[in-house]
PDB file of N, CA and C in Angstrom:
ATOM      1  N   MET A   1       1.608   5.428 -26.072  1.00  0.00           N
ATOM      2  CA  MET A   1       0.717   6.452 -25.542  1.00  0.00           C
ATOM      3  C   MET A   1       1.117   6.911 -24.147  1.00  0.00           C
ATOM      4  N   ASN A   2       1.284   8.176 -23.946  1.00  0.00           N
ATOM      5  CA  ASN A   2       1.733   8.669 -22.660  1.00  0.00           C
ATOM      6  C   ASN A   2       0.545   8.765 -21.661  1.00  0.00           C
ATOM      7  N   THR A   3       0.900   8.741 -20.401  1.00  0.00           N
ATOM      8  CA  THR A   3      -0.091   8.950 -19.360  1.00  0.00           C
ATOM      9  C   THR A   3       0.406  10.054 -18.475  1.00  0.00           C
ATOM     10  N   HIS A   4      -0.548  10.624 -17.713  1.00  0.00           N
ATOM     11  CA  HIS A   4      -0.250  11.698 -16.735  1.00  0.00           C
ATOM     12  C   HIS A   4      -0.423  11.189 -15.332  1.00  0.00           C
ATOM     13  N   THR A   5       0.672  11.290 -14.570  1.00  0.00           N
ATOM     14  CA  THR A   5       0.628  10.855 -13.183  1.00  0.00           C
ATOM     15  C   THR A   5       0.858  11.994 -12.244  1.00  0.00           C
ATOM     16  N   THR A   6       0.107  12.088 -11.191  1.00  0.00           N
ATOM     17  CA  THR A   6       0.311  13.087 -10.156  1.00  0.00           C
ATOM     18  C   THR A   6       0.754  12.423  -8.897  1.00  0.00           C
ATOM     19  N   LEU A   7       1.831  12.922  -8.377  1.00  0.00           N
ATOM     20  CA  LEU A   7       2.388  12.497  -7.067  1.00  0.00           C
ATOM     21  C   LEU A   7       2.270  13.558  -6.061  1.00  0.00           C
ATOM     22  N   ARG A   8       2.084  13.214  -4.829  1.00  0.00           N
ATOM     23  CA  ARG A   8       2.088  14.167  -3.734  1.00  0.00           C
ATOM     24  C   ARG A   8       3.409  13.941  -3.006  1.00  0.00           C
ATOM     25  N   ALA A   9       4.116  15.028  -2.822  1.00  0.00           N
ATOM     26  CA  ALA A   9       5.471  14.956  -2.254  1.00  0.00           C
ATOM     27  C   ALA A   9       5.458  15.570  -0.849  1.00  0.00           C
ATOM     28  N   GLU A  10       6.498  15.121  -0.071  1.00  0.00           N
ATOM     29  CA  GLU A  10       6.717  15.701   1.252  1.00  0.00           C
ATOM     30  C   GLU A  10       8.166  16.140   1.363  1.00  0.00           C
ATOM     31  N   GLY A  11       8.395  17.118   2.279  1.00  0.00           N
ATOM     32  CA  GLY A  11       9.824  17.428   2.539  1.00  0.00           C
ATOM     33  C   GLY A  11      10.275  18.645   1.758  1.00  0.00           C
ATOM     34  N   PHE A  12       9.412  19.275   0.967  1.00  0.00           N
ATOM     35  CA  PHE A  12       9.804  20.494   0.324  1.00  0.00           C
ATOM     36  C   PHE A  12      10.133  21.595   1.382  1.00  0.00           C
ATOM     37  N   SER A  13      11.272  22.242   1.216  1.00  0.00           N
ATOM     38  CA  SER A  13      11.552  23.281   2.240  1.00  0.00           C
ATOM     39  C   SER A  13      11.840  24.623   1.453  1.00  0.00           C
ATOM     40  N   CYS A  14      12.136  24.535   0.221  1.00  0.00           N
ATOM     41  CA  CYS A  14      12.531  25.745  -0.540  1.00  0.00           C
ATOM     42  C   CYS A  14      12.266  25.504  -1.988  1.00  0.00           C
ATOM     43  N   PRO A  15      12.161  26.562  -2.767  1.00  0.00           N
ATOM     44  CA  PRO A  15      11.903  26.503  -4.194  1.00  0.00           C
ATOM     45  C   PRO A  15      13.010  25.737  -4.929  1.00  0.00           C
ATOM     46  N   SER A  16      14.219  25.704  -4.387  1.00  0.00           N
ATOM     47  CA  SER A  16      15.282  25.009  -5.086  1.00  0.00           C
ATOM     48  C   SER A  16      15.031  23.476  -5.120  1.00  0.00           C
ATOM     49  N   CYS A  17      14.191  22.955  -4.195  1.00  0.00           N
ATOM     50  CA  CYS A  17      13.835  21.587  -4.209  1.00  0.00           C
ATOM     51  C   CYS A  17      13.120  21.248  -5.573  1.00  0.00           C
ATOM     52  N   VAL A  18      12.458  22.190  -6.123  1.00  0.00           N
ATOM     53  CA  VAL A  18      11.743  21.959  -7.424  1.00  0.00           C
ATOM     54  C   VAL A  18      12.669  21.548  -8.481  1.00  0.00           C
ATOM     55  N   ASN A  19      13.792  22.221  -8.601  1.00  0.00           N
ATOM     56  CA  ASN A  19      14.833  21.932  -9.682  1.00  0.00           C
ATOM     57  C   ASN A  19      15.458  20.595  -9.443  1.00  0.00           C
ATOM     58  N   LYS A  20      15.727  20.235  -8.191  1.00  0.00           N
ATOM     59  CA  LYS A  20      16.329  18.973  -7.882  1.00  0.00           C
ATOM     60  C   LYS A  20      15.453  17.790  -8.366  1.00  0.00           C
ATOM     61  N   ILE A  21      14.110  17.882  -8.061  1.00  0.00           N
ATOM     62  CA  ILE A  21      13.237  16.849  -8.386  1.00  0.00           C
ATOM     63  C   ILE A  21      12.986  16.814  -9.890  1.00  0.00           C
ATOM     64  N   GLU A  22      12.773  18.027 -10.523  1.00  0.00           N
ATOM     65  CA  GLU A  22      12.571  17.984 -11.986  1.00  0.00           C
ATOM     66  C   GLU A  22      13.779  17.412 -12.730  1.00  0.00           C
ATOM     67  N   LYS A  23      14.934  17.701 -12.262  1.00  0.00           N
ATOM     68  CA  LYS A  23      16.107  17.138 -12.887  1.00  0.00           C
ATOM     69  C   LYS A  23      16.275  15.644 -12.749  1.00  0.00           C
ATOM     70  N   GLN A  24      16.010  15.126 -11.522  1.00  0.00           N
ATOM     71  CA  GLN A  24      16.142  13.722 -11.227  1.00  0.00           C
ATOM     72  C   GLN A  24      15.109  12.941 -12.030  1.00  0.00           C
ATOM     73  N   VAL A  25      13.849  13.372 -11.988  1.00  0.00           N
ATOM     74  CA  VAL A  25      12.781  12.664 -12.645  1.00  0.00           C
ATOM     75  C   VAL A  25      12.839  12.805 -14.135  1.00  0.00           C
ATOM     76  N   GLY A  26      13.107  14.062 -14.613  1.00  0.00           N
ATOM     77  CA  GLY A  26      13.172  14.325 -16.043  1.00  0.00           C
ATOM     78  C   GLY A  26      14.317  13.560 -16.827  1.00  0.00           C
ATOM     79  N   ARG A  27      15.262  13.052 -16.170  1.00  0.00           N
ATOM     80  CA  ARG A  27      16.307  12.346 -16.850  1.00  0.00           C
ATOM     81  C   ARG A  27      15.946  10.869 -17.137  1.00  0.00           C
ATOM     82  N   LEU A  28      14.831  10.357 -16.556  1.00  0.00           N
ATOM     83  CA  LEU A  28      14.508   9.051 -16.728  1.00  0.00           C
ATOM     84  C   LEU A  28      13.976   8.771 -18.186  1.00  0.00           C
ATOM     85  N   ASP A  29      14.315   7.569 -18.707  1.00  0.00           N
ATOM     86  CA  ASP A  29      13.826   7.139 -20.017  1.00  0.00           C
ATOM     87  C   ASP A  29      12.268   7.000 -19.906  1.00  0.00           C
ATOM     88  N   GLY A  30      11.568   7.537 -20.877  1.00  0.00           N
ATOM     89  CA  GLY A  30      10.083   7.412 -20.914  1.00  0.00           C
ATOM     90  C   GLY A  30       9.362   8.674 -20.314  1.00  0.00           C
ATOM     91  N   VAL A  31      10.142   9.524 -19.675  1.00  0.00           N
ATOM     92  CA  VAL A  31       9.527  10.681 -19.105  1.00  0.00           C
ATOM     93  C   VAL A  31       9.600  11.861 -20.075  1.00  0.00           C
ATOM     94  N   ASP A  32       8.418  12.409 -20.445  1.00  0.00           N
ATOM     95  CA  ASP A  32       8.392  13.534 -21.408  1.00  0.00           C
ATOM     96  C   ASP A  32       8.373  14.907 -20.752  1.00  0.00           C
ATOM     97  N   ASP A  33       7.636  14.983 -19.637  1.00  0.00           N
ATOM     98  CA  ASP A  33       7.581  16.262 -18.973  1.00  0.00           C
ATOM     99  C   ASP A  33       7.383  16.111 -17.480  1.00  0.00           C
ATOM    100  N   VAL A  34       7.993  16.993 -16.721  1.00  0.00           N
ATOM    101  CA  VAL A  34       7.858  17.025 -15.260  1.00  0.00           C
ATOM    102  C   VAL A  34       7.549  18.480 -14.777  1.00  0.00           C
ATOM    103  N   LYS A  35       6.513  18.605 -13.954  1.00  0.00           N
ATOM    104  CA  LYS A  35       6.316  19.893 -13.342  1.00  0.00           C
ATOM    105  C   LYS A  35       6.068  19.681 -11.887  1.00  0.00           C
ATOM    106  N   VAL A  36       6.848  20.438 -11.138  1.00  0.00           N
ATOM    107  CA  VAL A  36       6.766  20.384  -9.624  1.00  0.00           C
ATOM    108  C   VAL A  36       6.041  21.679  -9.193  1.00  0.00           C
ATOM    109  N   HIS A  37       5.016  21.488  -8.407  1.00  0.00           N
ATOM    110  CA  HIS A  37       4.296  22.652  -7.934  1.00  0.00           C
ATOM    111  C   HIS A  37       4.703  22.784  -6.389  1.00  0.00           C
ATOM    112  N   PHE A  38       5.542  23.759  -6.134  1.00  0.00           N
ATOM    113  CA  PHE A  38       6.068  23.967  -4.764  1.00  0.00           C
ATOM    114  C   PHE A  38       4.888  24.208  -3.744  1.00  0.00           C
ATOM    115  N   ALA A  39       4.055  25.144  -4.026  1.00  0.00           N
ATOM    116  CA  ALA A  39       3.016  25.547  -3.176  1.00  0.00           C
ATOM    117  C   ALA A  39       2.087  24.416  -2.724  1.00  0.00           C
ATOM    118  N   SER A  40       1.773  23.566  -3.645  1.00  0.00           N
ATOM    119  CA  SER A  40       0.878  22.495  -3.389  1.00  0.00           C
ATOM    120  C   SER A  40       1.530  21.123  -3.214  1.00  0.00           C
ATOM    121  N   SER A  41       2.794  21.000  -3.298  1.00  0.00           N
ATOM    122  CA  SER A  41       3.603  19.889  -3.150  1.00  0.00           C
ATOM    123  C   SER A  41       3.203  18.721  -4.095  1.00  0.00           C
ATOM    124  N   ARG A  42       2.798  19.088  -5.293  1.00  0.00           N
ATOM    125  CA  ARG A  42       2.459  18.186  -6.320  1.00  0.00           C
ATOM    126  C   ARG A  42       3.531  18.016  -7.322  1.00  0.00           C
ATOM    127  N   ILE A  43       3.629  16.797  -7.875  1.00  0.00           N
ATOM    128  CA  ILE A  43       4.546  16.550  -8.958  1.00  0.00           C
ATOM    129  C   ILE A  43       3.784  15.930 -10.083  1.00  0.00           C
ATOM    130  N   GLU A  44       3.720  16.586 -11.232  1.00  0.00           N
ATOM    131  CA  GLU A  44       2.957  16.155 -12.360  1.00  0.00           C
ATOM    132  C   GLU A  44       4.001  15.623 -13.431  1.00  0.00           C
ATOM    133  N   VAL A  45       3.767  14.389 -13.847  1.00  0.00           N
ATOM    134  CA  VAL A  45       4.653  13.745 -14.786  1.00  0.00           C
ATOM    135  C   VAL A  45       3.897  13.163 -15.957  1.00  0.00           C
ATOM    136  N   ASP A  46       4.357  13.570 -17.211  1.00  0.00           N
ATOM    137  CA  ASP A  46       3.827  12.864 -18.425  1.00  0.00           C
ATOM    138  C   ASP A  46       4.850  11.844 -18.789  1.00  0.00           C
ATOM    139  N   HIS A  47       4.449  10.595 -18.856  1.00  0.00           N
ATOM    140  CA  HIS A  47       5.374   9.486 -19.202  1.00  0.00           C
ATOM    141  C   HIS A  47       4.786   8.385 -19.999  1.00  0.00           C
ATOM    142  N   ASP A  48       5.659   7.541 -20.537  1.00  0.00           N
ATOM    143  CA  ASP A  48       5.224   6.400 -21.223  1.00  0.00           C
ATOM    144  C   ASP A  48       5.152   5.263 -20.234  1.00  0.00           C
ATOM    145  N   PRO A  49       3.912   4.763 -19.904  1.00  0.00           N
ATOM    146  CA  PRO A  49       3.869   3.665 -18.860  1.00  0.00           C
ATOM    147  C   PRO A  49       4.475   2.346 -19.235  1.00  0.00           C
ATOM    148  N   THR A  50       4.762   2.143 -20.557  1.00  0.00           N
ATOM    149  CA  THR A  50       5.415   0.928 -20.986  1.00  0.00           C
ATOM    150  C   THR A  50       6.953   0.949 -20.705  1.00  0.00           C
ATOM    151  N   LEU A  51       7.462   2.149 -20.512  1.00  0.00           N
ATOM    152  CA  LEU A  51       8.845   2.344 -20.257  1.00  0.00           C
ATOM    153  C   LEU A  51       9.179   2.545 -18.748  1.00  0.00           C
ATOM    154  N   ILE A  52       8.305   3.293 -18.076  1.00  0.00           N
ATOM    155  CA  ILE A  52       8.470   3.683 -16.681  1.00  0.00           C
ATOM    156  C   ILE A  52       7.172   3.724 -15.975  1.00  0.00           C
ATOM    157  N   GLY A  53       7.201   3.061 -14.768  1.00  0.00           N
ATOM    158  CA  GLY A  53       5.946   2.995 -13.977  1.00  0.00           C
ATOM    159  C   GLY A  53       5.990   4.016 -12.882  1.00  0.00           C
ATOM    160  N   VAL A  54       4.824   4.044 -12.166  1.00  0.00           N
ATOM    161  CA  VAL A  54       4.722   5.009 -11.087  1.00  0.00           C
ATOM    162  C   VAL A  54       5.714   4.756  -9.969  1.00  0.00           C
ATOM    163  N   ASP A  55       5.994   3.463  -9.691  1.00  0.00           N
ATOM    164  CA  ASP A  55       6.942   3.093  -8.608  1.00  0.00           C
ATOM    165  C   ASP A  55       8.312   3.656  -9.006  1.00  0.00           C
ATOM    166  N   ASP A  56       8.637   3.692 -10.317  1.00  0.00           N
ATOM    167  CA  ASP A  56       9.998   4.169 -10.696  1.00  0.00           C
ATOM    168  C   ASP A  56      10.022   5.661 -10.475  1.00  0.00           C
ATOM    169  N   LEU A  57       8.900   6.384 -10.738  1.00  0.00           N
ATOM    170  CA  LEU A  57       8.816   7.774 -10.548  1.00  0.00           C
ATOM    171  C   LEU A  57       8.977   8.170  -9.013  1.00  0.00           C
ATOM    172  N   VAL A  58       8.309   7.350  -8.166  1.00  0.00           N
ATOM    173  CA  VAL A  58       8.410   7.587  -6.736  1.00  0.00           C
ATOM    174  C   VAL A  58       9.845   7.340  -6.273  1.00  0.00           C
ATOM    175  N   ALA A  59      10.481   6.295  -6.869  1.00  0.00           N
ATOM    176  CA  ALA A  59      11.940   6.047  -6.515  1.00  0.00           C
ATOM    177  C   ALA A  59      12.829   7.114  -6.932  1.00  0.00           C
ATOM    178  N   ALA A  60      12.576   7.705  -8.115  1.00  0.00           N
ATOM    179  CA  ALA A  60      13.379   8.866  -8.567  1.00  0.00           C
ATOM    180  C   ALA A  60      13.276  10.031  -7.607  1.00  0.00           C
ATOM    181  N   VAL A  61      12.080  10.327  -7.171  1.00  0.00           N
ATOM    182  CA  VAL A  61      11.859  11.456  -6.225  1.00  0.00           C
ATOM    183  C   VAL A  61      12.615  11.089  -4.939  1.00  0.00           C
ATOM    184  N   GLY A  62      12.572   9.870  -4.539  1.00  0.00           N
ATOM    185  CA  GLY A  62      13.362   9.514  -3.341  1.00  0.00           C
ATOM    186  C   GLY A  62      14.848   9.673  -3.478  1.00  0.00           C
ATOM    187  N   LYS A  63      15.383   9.382  -4.758  1.00  0.00           N
ATOM    188  CA  LYS A  63      16.783   9.586  -4.999  1.00  0.00           C
ATOM    189  C   LYS A  63      17.209  11.111  -4.853  1.00  0.00           C
ATOM    190  N   ALA A  64      16.231  11.962  -5.125  1.00  0.00           N
ATOM    191  CA  ALA A  64      16.433  13.403  -4.971  1.00  0.00           C
ATOM    192  C   ALA A  64      16.413  13.824  -3.523  1.00  0.00           C
ATOM    193  N   GLY A  65      15.972  12.913  -2.639  1.00  0.00           N
ATOM    194  CA  GLY A  65      15.962  13.236  -1.190  1.00  0.00           C
ATOM    195  C   GLY A  65      14.552  13.601  -0.655  1.00  0.00           C
ATOM    196  N   TYR A  66      13.465  13.205  -1.329  1.00  0.00           N
ATOM    197  CA  TYR A  66      12.162  13.623  -0.949  1.00  0.00           C
ATOM    198  C   TYR A  66      11.263  12.312  -0.976  1.00  0.00           C
ATOM    199  N   THR A  67      10.184  12.429  -0.288  1.00  0.00           N
ATOM    200  CA  THR A  67       9.226  11.310  -0.260  1.00  0.00           C
ATOM    201  C   THR A  67       8.000  11.708  -1.101  1.00  0.00           C
ATOM    202  N   ALA A  68       7.567  10.710  -1.902  1.00  0.00           N
ATOM    203  CA  ALA A  68       6.411  10.992  -2.735  1.00  0.00           C
ATOM    204  C   ALA A  68       5.537   9.728  -2.801  1.00  0.00           C
ATOM    205  N   ALA A  69       4.208   9.966  -3.044  1.00  0.00           N
ATOM    206  CA  ALA A  69       3.262   8.873  -3.187  1.00  0.00           C
ATOM    207  C   ALA A  69       2.300   9.248  -4.349  1.00  0.00           C
ATOM    208  N   PRO A  70       1.718   8.238  -5.018  1.00  0.00           N
ATOM    209  CA  PRO A  70       0.725   8.530  -6.063  1.00  0.00           C
ATOM    210  C   PRO A  70      -0.451   9.244  -5.418  1.00  0.00           C
ATOM    211  N   SER A  71      -0.994  10.206  -6.141  1.00  0.00           N
ATOM    212  CA  SER A  71      -2.164  10.920  -5.668  1.00  0.00           C
ATOM    213  C   SER A  71      -3.355  10.735  -6.563  1.00  0.00           C
ATOM    214  N   ALA A  72      -4.525  10.844  -5.985  1.00  0.00           N
ATOM    215  CA  ALA A  72      -5.696  10.638  -6.718  1.00  0.00           C
ATOM    216  C   ALA A  72      -6.195  11.943  -7.374  1.00  0.00           C
ATOM    217  N   PHE A  73      -5.632  13.082  -7.017  1.00  0.00           N
ATOM    218  CA  PHE A  73      -6.083  14.361  -7.656  1.00  0.00           C
ATOM    219  C   PHE A  73      -5.136  14.828  -8.678  1.00  0.00           C
TER     220      PHE A  73
END
């Protein structure tokens, strides 16, 4: 069963950042969908929590060159 996780990101400077993050996170095993909202700096990820955790998602965003943290909204 998939879960929906929202991350709040920092460091967005242009819309091309969206593609970099979506590509980096989307290639992870267990991730079904990634949507990056440039204007609100939110990253929404649908994933299988038994295959990939929130810390792994945050690390993947970090590999793309940005900082992210789990968000309550």
